[in-house]
PDB file of N, CA and C in Angstrom:
ATOM      1  N   MET A   1      -0.480  18.282  -9.206  1.00  0.00           N
ATOM      2  CA  MET A   1      -1.041  17.663  -8.010  1.00  0.00           C
ATOM      3  C   MET A   1      -0.276  16.388  -7.693  1.00  0.00           C
ATOM      4  N   SER A   2      -0.057  16.178  -6.453  1.00  0.00           N
ATOM      5  CA  SER A   2       0.689  15.010  -6.018  1.00  0.00           C
ATOM      6  C   SER A   2      -0.136  13.748  -6.246  1.00  0.00           C
ATOM      7  N   GLN A   3       0.553  12.650  -6.468  1.00  0.00           N
ATOM      8  CA  GLN A   3      -0.158  11.403  -6.669  1.00  0.00           C
ATOM      9  C   GLN A   3      -0.738  10.864  -5.361  1.00  0.00           C
ATOM     10  N   TYR A   4      -0.282  11.400  -4.248  1.00  0.00           N
ATOM     11  CA  TYR A   4      -0.796  11.004  -2.945  1.00  0.00           C
ATOM     12  C   TYR A   4      -1.703  12.092  -2.416  1.00  0.00           C
ATOM     13  N   ARG A   5      -2.905  11.726  -2.076  1.00  0.00           N
ATOM     14  CA  ARG A   5      -3.847  12.722  -1.564  1.00  0.00           C
ATOM     15  C   ARG A   5      -3.498  13.074  -0.122  1.00  0.00           C
ATOM     16  N   GLY A   6      -3.571  14.363   0.171  1.00  0.00           N
ATOM     17  CA  GLY A   6      -3.322  14.818   1.526  1.00  0.00           C
ATOM     18  C   GLY A   6      -1.857  15.071   1.839  1.00  0.00           C
ATOM     19  N   ILE A   7      -0.968  14.745   0.904  1.00  0.00           N
ATOM     20  CA  ILE A   7       0.448  14.973   1.129  1.00  0.00           C
ATOM     21  C   ILE A   7       0.884  16.140   0.252  1.00  0.00           C
ATOM     22  N   GLU A   8       1.306  17.218   0.898  1.00  0.00           N
ATOM     23  CA  GLU A   8       1.758  18.374   0.143  1.00  0.00           C
ATOM     24  C   GLU A   8       3.260  18.297  -0.051  1.00  0.00           C
ATOM     25  N   ARG A   9       3.712  18.740  -1.208  1.00  0.00           N
ATOM     26  CA  ARG A   9       5.141  18.759  -1.487  1.00  0.00           C
ATOM     27  C   ARG A   9       5.761  19.985  -0.842  1.00  0.00           C
ATOM     28  N   HIS A  10       6.997  19.844  -0.437  1.00  0.00           N
ATOM     29  CA  HIS A  10       7.701  20.964   0.185  1.00  0.00           C
ATOM     30  C   HIS A  10       9.166  20.890  -0.209  1.00  0.00           C
ATOM     31  N   ARG A  11       9.864  21.972   0.038  1.00  0.00           N
ATOM     32  CA  ARG A  11      11.279  22.023  -0.284  1.00  0.00           C
ATOM     33  C   ARG A  11      12.073  21.098   0.614  1.00  0.00           C
ATOM     34  N   PHE A  12      13.120  20.526   0.042  1.00  0.00           N
ATOM     35  CA  PHE A  12      14.071  19.748   0.824  1.00  0.00           C
ATOM     36  C   PHE A  12      14.997  20.731   1.527  1.00  0.00           C
ATOM     37  N   GLU A  13      15.159  20.581   2.810  1.00  0.00           N
ATOM     38  CA  GLU A  13      16.025  21.464   3.588  1.00  0.00           C
ATOM     39  C   GLU A  13      17.234  20.672   4.075  1.00  0.00           C
ATOM     40  N   PRO A  14      18.371  20.784   3.378  1.00  0.00           N
ATOM     41  CA  PRO A  14      19.564  20.026   3.779  1.00  0.00           C
ATOM     42  C   PRO A  14      20.061  20.367   5.181  1.00  0.00           C
ATOM     43  N   ALA A  15      19.881  21.604   5.627  1.00  0.00           N
ATOM     44  CA  ALA A  15      20.365  21.995   6.953  1.00  0.00           C
ATOM     45  C   ALA A  15      19.653  21.197   8.049  1.00  0.00           C
ATOM     46  N   ARG A  16      18.390  20.935   7.859  1.00  0.00           N
ATOM     47  CA  ARG A  16      17.661  20.133   8.855  1.00  0.00           C
ATOM     48  C   ARG A  16      18.188  18.709   8.914  1.00  0.00           C
ATOM     49  N   LEU A  17      18.491  18.159   7.744  1.00  0.00           N
ATOM     50  CA  LEU A  17      19.051  16.809   7.687  1.00  0.00           C
ATOM     51  C   LEU A  17      20.412  16.762   8.381  1.00  0.00           C
ATOM     52  N   VAL A  18      21.276  17.711   8.072  1.00  0.00           N
ATOM     53  CA  VAL A  18      22.613  17.756   8.668  1.00  0.00           C
ATOM     54  C   VAL A  18      22.514  17.909  10.184  1.00  0.00           C
ATOM     55  N   LEU A  19      21.669  18.813  10.646  1.00  0.00           N
ATOM     56  CA  LEU A  19      21.518  19.018  12.085  1.00  0.00           C
ATOM     57  C   LEU A  19      20.981  17.760  12.770  1.00  0.00           C
ATOM     58  N   GLY A  20      19.995  17.140  12.180  1.00  0.00           N
ATOM     59  CA  GLY A  20      19.437  15.922  12.768  1.00  0.00           C
ATOM     60  C   GLY A  20      20.456  14.801  12.858  1.00  0.00           C
ATOM     61  N   LEU A  21      21.225  14.607  11.787  1.00  0.00           N
ATOM     62  CA  LEU A  21      22.243  13.555  11.806  1.00  0.00           C
ATOM     63  C   LEU A  21      23.356  13.861  12.805  1.00  0.00           C
ATOM     64  N   ALA A  22      23.751  15.125  12.892  1.00  0.00           N
ATOM     65  CA  ALA A  22      24.807  15.498  13.842  1.00  0.00           C
ATOM     66  C   ALA A  22      24.347  15.293  15.279  1.00  0.00           C
ATOM     67  N   LEU A  23      23.133  15.716  15.587  1.00  0.00           N
ATOM     68  CA  LEU A  23      22.634  15.536  16.955  1.00  0.00           C
ATOM     69  C   LEU A  23      22.420  14.059  17.272  1.00  0.00           C
ATOM     70  N   LEU A  24      22.000  13.295  16.293  1.00  0.00           N
ATOM     71  CA  LEU A  24      21.861  11.855  16.494  1.00  0.00           C
ATOM     72  C   LEU A  24      23.225  11.228  16.789  1.00  0.00           C
ATOM     73  N   ALA A  25      24.250  11.640  16.062  1.00  0.00           N
ATOM     74  CA  ALA A  25      25.596  11.121  16.290  1.00  0.00           C
ATOM     75  C   ALA A  25      26.105  11.501  17.686  1.00  0.00           C
ATOM     76  N   ILE A  26      25.815  12.712  18.128  1.00  0.00           N
ATOM     77  CA  ILE A  26      26.217  13.136  19.477  1.00  0.00           C
ATOM     78  C   ILE A  26      25.510  12.281  20.526  1.00  0.00           C
ATOM     79  N   GLY A  27      24.240  12.032  20.323  1.00  0.00           N
ATOM     80  CA  GLY A  27      23.491  11.190  21.259  1.00  0.00           C
ATOM     81  C   GLY A  27      24.032   9.774  21.319  1.00  0.00           C
ATOM     82  N   VAL A  28      24.361   9.201  20.162  1.00  0.00           N
ATOM     83  CA  VAL A  28      24.920   7.850  20.124  1.00  0.00           C
ATOM     84  C   VAL A  28      26.287   7.827  20.803  1.00  0.00           C
ATOM     85  N   LEU A  29      27.103   8.832  20.543  1.00  0.00           N
ATOM     86  CA  LEU A  29      28.417   8.916  21.180  1.00  0.00           C
ATOM     87  C   LEU A  29      28.294   8.986  22.700  1.00  0.00           C
ATOM     88  N   ALA A  30      27.396   9.811  23.187  1.00  0.00           N
ATOM     89  CA  ALA A  30      27.203   9.937  24.634  1.00  0.00           C
ATOM     90  C   ALA A  30      26.686   8.630  25.231  1.00  0.00           C
ATOM     91  N   TYR A  31      25.794   7.959  24.512  1.00  0.00           N
ATOM     92  CA  TYR A  31      25.247   6.689  24.998  1.00  0.00           C
ATOM     93  C   TYR A  31      26.335   5.613  25.066  1.00  0.00           C
ATOM     94  N   VAL A  32      27.134   5.515  24.009  1.00  0.00           N
ATOM     95  CA  VAL A  32      28.187   4.499  23.970  1.00  0.00           C
ATOM     96  C   VAL A  32      29.220   4.765  25.063  1.00  0.00           C
ATOM     97  N   GLN A  33      29.561   6.023  25.267  1.00  0.00           N
ATOM     98  CA  GLN A  33      30.508   6.365  26.335  1.00  0.00           C
ATOM     99  C   GLN A  33      29.960   5.938  27.701  1.00  0.00           C
ATOM    100  N   ALA A  34      28.713   6.212  27.952  1.00  0.00           N
ATOM    101  CA  ALA A  34      28.113   5.873  29.251  1.00  0.00           C
ATOM    102  C   ALA A  34      27.956   4.364  29.411  1.00  0.00           C
ATOM    103  N   ARG A  35      27.644   3.681  28.335  1.00  0.00           N
ATOM    104  CA  ARG A  35      27.412   2.244  28.408  1.00  0.00           C
ATOM    105  C   ARG A  35      28.701   1.466  28.634  1.00  0.00           C
ATOM    106  N   ASP A  36      29.787   1.927  28.045  1.00  0.00           N
ATOM    107  CA  ASP A  36      31.054   1.200  28.148  1.00  0.00           C
ATOM    108  C   ASP A  36      31.790   1.473  29.454  1.00  0.00           C
ATOM    109  N   HIS A  37      31.166   2.154  30.373  1.00  0.00           N
ATOM    110  CA  HIS A  37      31.727   2.448  31.691  1.00  0.00           C
ATOM    111  C   HIS A  37      33.042   3.211  31.605  1.00  0.00           C
ATOM    112  N   GLU A  38      33.236   3.947  30.525  1.00  0.00           N
ATOM    113  CA  GLU A  38      34.431   4.782  30.418  1.00  0.00           C
ATOM    114  C   GLU A  38      34.173   6.144  31.036  1.00  0.00           C
ATOM    115  N   GLY A  39      33.047   6.298  31.609  1.00  0.00           N
ATOM    116  CA  GLY A  39      32.682   7.588  32.182  1.00  0.00           C
ATOM    117  C   GLY A  39      31.838   8.369  31.200  1.00  0.00           C
ATOM    118  N   ARG A  40      31.255   9.402  31.694  1.00  0.00           N
ATOM    119  CA  ARG A  40      30.424  10.235  30.838  1.00  0.00           C
ATOM    120  C   ARG A  40      31.260  11.320  30.199  1.00  0.00           C
ATOM    121  N   LEU A  41      30.755  11.807  29.075  1.00  0.00           N
ATOM    122  CA  LEU A  41      31.399  12.951  28.439  1.00  0.00           C
ATOM    123  C   LEU A  41      31.129  14.186  29.290  1.00  0.00           C
ATOM    124  N   PRO A  42      32.121  15.026  29.467  1.00  0.00           N
ATOM    125  CA  PRO A  42      31.885  16.257  30.225  1.00  0.00           C
ATOM    126  C   PRO A  42      30.831  17.126  29.531  1.00  0.00           C
ATOM    127  N   VAL A  43      30.085  17.845  30.334  1.00  0.00           N
ATOM    128  CA  VAL A  43      29.012  18.686  29.808  1.00  0.00           C
ATOM    129  C   VAL A  43      29.572  19.719  28.839  1.00  0.00           C
ATOM    130  N   GLY A  44      30.757  20.235  29.122  1.00  0.00           N
ATOM    131  CA  GLY A  44      31.375  21.215  28.232  1.00  0.00           C
ATOM    132  C   GLY A  44      31.628  20.648  26.840  1.00  0.00           C
ATOM    133  N   VAL A  45      32.042  19.380  26.781  1.00  0.00           N
ATOM    134  CA  VAL A  45      32.283  18.737  25.482  1.00  0.00           C
ATOM    135  C   VAL A  45      30.963  18.567  24.735  1.00  0.00           C
ATOM    136  N   LEU A  46      29.940  18.134  25.448  1.00  0.00           N
ATOM    137  CA  LEU A  46      28.629  17.968  24.798  1.00  0.00           C
ATOM    138  C   LEU A  46      28.098  19.291  24.272  1.00  0.00           C
ATOM    139  N   LEU A  47      28.230  20.340  25.068  1.00  0.00           N
ATOM    140  CA  LEU A  47      27.761  21.653  24.615  1.00  0.00           C
ATOM    141  C   LEU A  47      28.563  22.148  23.415  1.00  0.00           C
ATOM    142  N   ALA A  48      29.862  21.888  23.410  1.00  0.00           N
ATOM    143  CA  ALA A  48      30.689  22.284  22.268  1.00  0.00           C
ATOM    144  C   ALA A  48      30.286  21.514  21.007  1.00  0.00           C
ATOM    145  N   LEU A  49      29.989  20.233  21.164  1.00  0.00           N
ATOM    146  CA  LEU A  49      29.554  19.437  20.008  1.00  0.00           C
ATOM    147  C   LEU A  49      28.204  19.925  19.475  1.00  0.00           C
ATOM    148  N   VAL A  50      27.287  20.242  20.373  1.00  0.00           N
ATOM    149  CA  VAL A  50      25.976  20.755  19.949  1.00  0.00           C
ATOM    150  C   VAL A  50      26.129  22.114  19.259  1.00  0.00           C
ATOM    151  N   ALA A  51      26.975  22.971  19.834  1.00  0.00           N
ATOM    152  CA  ALA A  51      27.206  24.275  19.210  1.00  0.00           C
ATOM    153  C   ALA A  51      27.842  24.116  17.830  1.00  0.00           C
ATOM    154  N   GLY A  52      28.776  23.193  17.706  1.00  0.00           N
ATOM    155  CA  GLY A  52      29.391  22.919  16.409  1.00  0.00           C
ATOM    156  C   GLY A  52      28.383  22.404  15.395  1.00  0.00           C
ATOM    157  N   SER A  53      27.457  21.574  15.867  1.00  0.00           N
ATOM    158  CA  SER A  53      26.403  21.062  14.986  1.00  0.00           C
ATOM    159  C   SER A  53      25.509  22.189  14.500  1.00  0.00           C
ATOM    160  N   LEU A  54      25.166  23.100  15.389  1.00  0.00           N
ATOM    161  CA  LEU A  54      24.333  24.240  15.000  1.00  0.00           C
ATOM    162  C   LEU A  54      25.062  25.139  14.001  1.00  0.00           C
ATOM    163  N   LEU A  55      26.343  25.358  14.225  1.00  0.00           N
ATOM    164  CA  LEU A  55      27.128  26.159  13.281  1.00  0.00           C
ATOM    165  C   LEU A  55      27.210  25.483  11.913  1.00  0.00           C
ATOM    166  N   LEU A  56      27.417  24.181  11.906  1.00  0.00           N
ATOM    167  CA  LEU A  56      27.475  23.440  10.646  1.00  0.00           C
ATOM    168  C   LEU A  56      26.148  23.525   9.900  1.00  0.00           C
ATOM    169  N   ALA A  57      25.049  23.371  10.621  1.00  0.00           N
ATOM    170  CA  ALA A  57      23.732  23.485   9.992  1.00  0.00           C
ATOM    171  C   ALA A  57      23.509  24.897   9.456  1.00  0.00           C
ATOM    172  N   GLY A  58      23.992  25.901  10.168  1.00  0.00           N
ATOM    173  CA  GLY A  58      23.882  27.278   9.697  1.00  0.00           C
ATOM    174  C   GLY A  58      24.646  27.502   8.405  1.00  0.00           C
ATOM    175  N   VAL A  59      25.846  26.945   8.329  1.00  0.00           N
ATOM    176  CA  VAL A  59      26.645  27.071   7.103  1.00  0.00           C
ATOM    177  C   VAL A  59      25.949  26.375   5.936  1.00  0.00           C
ATOM    178  N   VAL A  60      25.421  25.184   6.185  1.00  0.00           N
ATOM    179  CA  VAL A  60      24.698  24.452   5.130  1.00  0.00           C
ATOM    180  C   VAL A  60      23.485  25.248   4.672  1.00  0.00           C
ATOM    181  N   SER A  61      22.791  25.871   5.605  1.00  0.00           N
ATOM    182  CA  SER A  61      21.616  26.677   5.262  1.00  0.00           C
ATOM    183  C   SER A  61      22.003  27.874   4.398  1.00  0.00           C
ATOM    184  N   ILE A  62      23.104  28.541   4.743  1.00  0.00           N
ATOM    185  CA  ILE A  62      23.563  29.692   3.958  1.00  0.00           C
ATOM    186  C   ILE A  62      23.947  29.261   2.542  1.00  0.00           C
ATOM    187  N   VAL A  63      24.656  28.151   2.438  1.00  0.00           N
ATOM    188  CA  VAL A  63      25.046  27.653   1.110  1.00  0.00           C
ATOM    189  C   VAL A  63      23.813  27.275   0.299  1.00  0.00           C
ATOM    190  N   THR A  64      22.847  26.623   0.934  1.00  0.00           N
ATOM    191  CA  THR A  64      21.617  26.235   0.239  1.00  0.00           C
ATOM    192  C   THR A  64      20.877  27.453  -0.287  1.00  0.00           C
ATOM    193  N   GLN A  65      20.740  28.476   0.551  1.00  0.00           N
ATOM    194  CA  GLN A  65      20.030  29.689   0.120  1.00  0.00           C
ATOM    195  C   GLN A  65      20.763  30.392  -1.014  1.00  0.00           C
ATOM    196  N   SER A  66      22.089  30.429  -0.955  1.00  0.00           N
ATOM    197  CA  SER A  66      22.827  31.102  -2.022  1.00  0.00           C
ATOM    198  C   SER A  66      22.711  30.337  -3.338  1.00  0.00           C
ATOM    199  N   VAL A  67      22.708  29.019  -3.284  1.00  0.00           N
ATOM    200  CA  VAL A  67      22.534  28.220  -4.499  1.00  0.00           C
ATOM    201  C   VAL A  67      21.133  28.426  -5.068  1.00  0.00           C
ATOM    202  N   ARG A  68      20.133  28.427  -4.208  1.00  0.00           N
ATOM    203  CA  ARG A  68      18.758  28.642  -4.679  1.00  0.00           C
ATOM    204  C   ARG A  68      18.587  30.038  -5.267  1.00  0.00           C
ATOM    205  N   ARG A  69      19.194  31.043  -4.644  1.00  0.00           N
ATOM    206  CA  ARG A  69      19.095  32.410  -5.145  1.00  0.00           C
ATOM    207  C   ARG A  69      19.780  32.518  -6.505  1.00  0.00           C
ATOM    208  N   SER A  70      20.930  31.880  -6.636  1.00  0.00           N
ATOM    209  CA  SER A  70      21.659  31.930  -7.899  1.00  0.00           C
ATOM    210  C   SER A  70      20.876  31.238  -9.013  1.00  0.00           C
ATOM    211  N   ARG A  71      20.230  30.119  -8.704  1.00  0.00           N
ATOM    212  CA  ARG A  71      19.404  29.434  -9.705  1.00  0.00           C
ATOM    213  C   ARG A  71      18.205  30.274 -10.098  1.00  0.00           C
ATOM    214  N   LYS A  72      17.614  30.933  -9.111  1.00  0.00           N
ATOM    215  CA  LYS A  72      16.435  31.756  -9.397  1.00  0.00           C
ATOM    216  C   LYS A  72      16.811  32.930 -10.301  1.00  0.00           C
ATOM    217  N   GLU A  73      17.983  33.542 -10.062  1.00  0.00           N
ATOM    218  CA  GLU A  73      18.430  34.655 -10.894  1.00  0.00           C
ATOM    219  C   GLU A  73      18.720  34.207 -12.319  1.00  0.00           C
ATOM    220  N   LYS A  74      19.181  32.987 -12.480  1.00  0.00           N
ATOM    221  CA  LYS A  74      19.459  32.469 -13.820  1.00  0.00           C
ATOM    222  C   LYS A  74      18.194  31.967 -14.511  1.00  0.00           C
ATOM    223  N   GLY A  75      17.098  31.888 -13.773  1.00  0.00           N
ATOM    224  CA  GLY A  75      15.844  31.428 -14.344  1.00  0.00           C
ATOM    225  C   GLY A  75      15.724  29.920 -14.381  1.00  0.00           C
ATOM    226  N   GLU A  76      16.574  29.245 -13.645  1.00  0.00           N
ATOM    227  CA  GLU A  76      16.514  27.790 -13.602  1.00  0.00           C
ATOM    228  C   GLU A  76      15.711  27.349 -12.385  1.00  0.00           C
ATOM    229  N   GLU A  77      14.984  26.286 -12.575  1.00  0.00           N
ATOM    230  CA  GLU A  77      14.373  25.637 -11.424  1.00  0.00           C
ATOM    231  C   GLU A  77      14.575  24.156 -11.626  1.00  0.00           C
ATOM    232  N   ARG A  78      15.208  23.539 -10.684  1.00  0.00           N
ATOM    233  CA  ARG A  78      15.591  22.146 -10.808  1.00  0.00           C
ATOM    234  C   ARG A  78      14.375  21.265 -11.022  1.00  0.00           C
ATOM    235  N   GLY A  79      14.426  20.425 -12.043  1.00  0.00           N
ATOM    236  CA  GLY A  79      13.364  19.465 -12.299  1.00  0.00           C
ATOM    237  C   GLY A  79      12.093  20.059 -12.853  1.00  0.00           C
ATOM    238  N   GLU A  80      12.121  21.306 -13.306  1.00  0.00           N
ATOM    239  CA  GLU A  80      10.903  21.958 -13.776  1.00  0.00           C
ATOM    240  C   GLU A  80      10.315  21.243 -14.984  1.00  0.00           C
ATOM    241  N   ARG A  81      11.146  20.781 -15.903  1.00  0.00           N
ATOM    242  CA  ARG A  81      10.620  20.149 -17.110  1.00  0.00           C
ATOM    243  C   ARG A  81      10.080  18.749 -16.842  1.00  0.00           C
ATOM    244  N   ASP A  82      10.466  18.160 -15.689  1.00  0.00           N
ATOM    245  CA  ASP A  82       9.994  16.814 -15.366  1.00  0.00           C
ATOM    246  C   ASP A  82       8.605  16.801 -14.749  1.00  0.00           C
ATOM    247  N   ARG A  83       8.162  17.962 -14.259  1.00  0.00           N
ATOM    248  CA  ARG A  83       6.861  18.037 -13.604  1.00  0.00           C
ATOM    249  C   ARG A  83       5.792  18.478 -14.582  1.00  0.00           C
ATOM    250  N   PRO A  84       4.594  17.933 -14.444  1.00  0.00           N
ATOM    251  CA  PRO A  84       3.506  18.403 -15.282  1.00  0.00           C
ATOM    252  C   PRO A  84       3.130  19.843 -14.921  1.00  0.00           C
ATOM    253  N   ASP A  85       2.462  20.537 -15.831  1.00  0.00           N
ATOM    254  CA  ASP A  85       2.041  21.917 -15.579  1.00  0.00           C
ATOM    255  C   ASP A  85       1.162  21.998 -14.352  1.00  0.00           C
ATOM    256  N   GLY A  86       1.370  23.037 -13.576  1.00  0.00           N
ATOM    257  CA  GLY A  86       0.550  23.268 -12.394  1.00  0.00           C
ATOM    258  C   GLY A  86       1.032  22.541 -11.157  1.00  0.00           C
ATOM    259  N   ASP A  87       2.064  21.700 -11.282  1.00  0.00           N
ATOM    260  CA  ASP A  87       2.577  20.954 -10.131  1.00  0.00           C
ATOM    261  C   ASP A  87       3.945  21.509  -9.769  1.00  0.00           C
ATOM    262  N   ARG A  88       3.954  22.731  -9.242  1.00  0.00           N
ATOM    263  CA  ARG A  88       5.195  23.416  -8.916  1.00  0.00           C
ATOM    264  C   ARG A  88       5.408  23.442  -7.408  1.00  0.00           C
ATOM    265  N   LEU A  89       6.671  23.406  -7.025  1.00  0.00           N
ATOM    266  CA  LEU A  89       6.997  23.550  -5.599  1.00  0.00           C
ATOM    267  C   LEU A  89       6.918  25.005  -5.228  1.00  0.00           C
ATOM    268  N   SER A  90       6.491  25.307  -4.002  1.00  0.00           N
ATOM    269  CA  SER A  90       6.454  26.711  -3.585  1.00  0.00           C
ATOM    270  C   SER A  90       7.685  27.070  -2.828  1.00  0.00           C
TER     271      SER A  90
END
């Protein structure tokens, strides 16, 4: 059981982190371009950057799943011995 009531533990999803950071970087880039009066980024460039971010997140997700599957087949679960009995991630 978690030490915090009402907070459930969940898996860390690296693909979500990567996608969020990439989209945040695209937003900051577009903002800085518009603010510095250098003109706006063309819509095609923005769409290409967003598509690239989605592809990168997809690759990270595939790698994450393959690592988790490989650990499960070997019978390993990261941090299992550090957790008390009954406090397992689903």
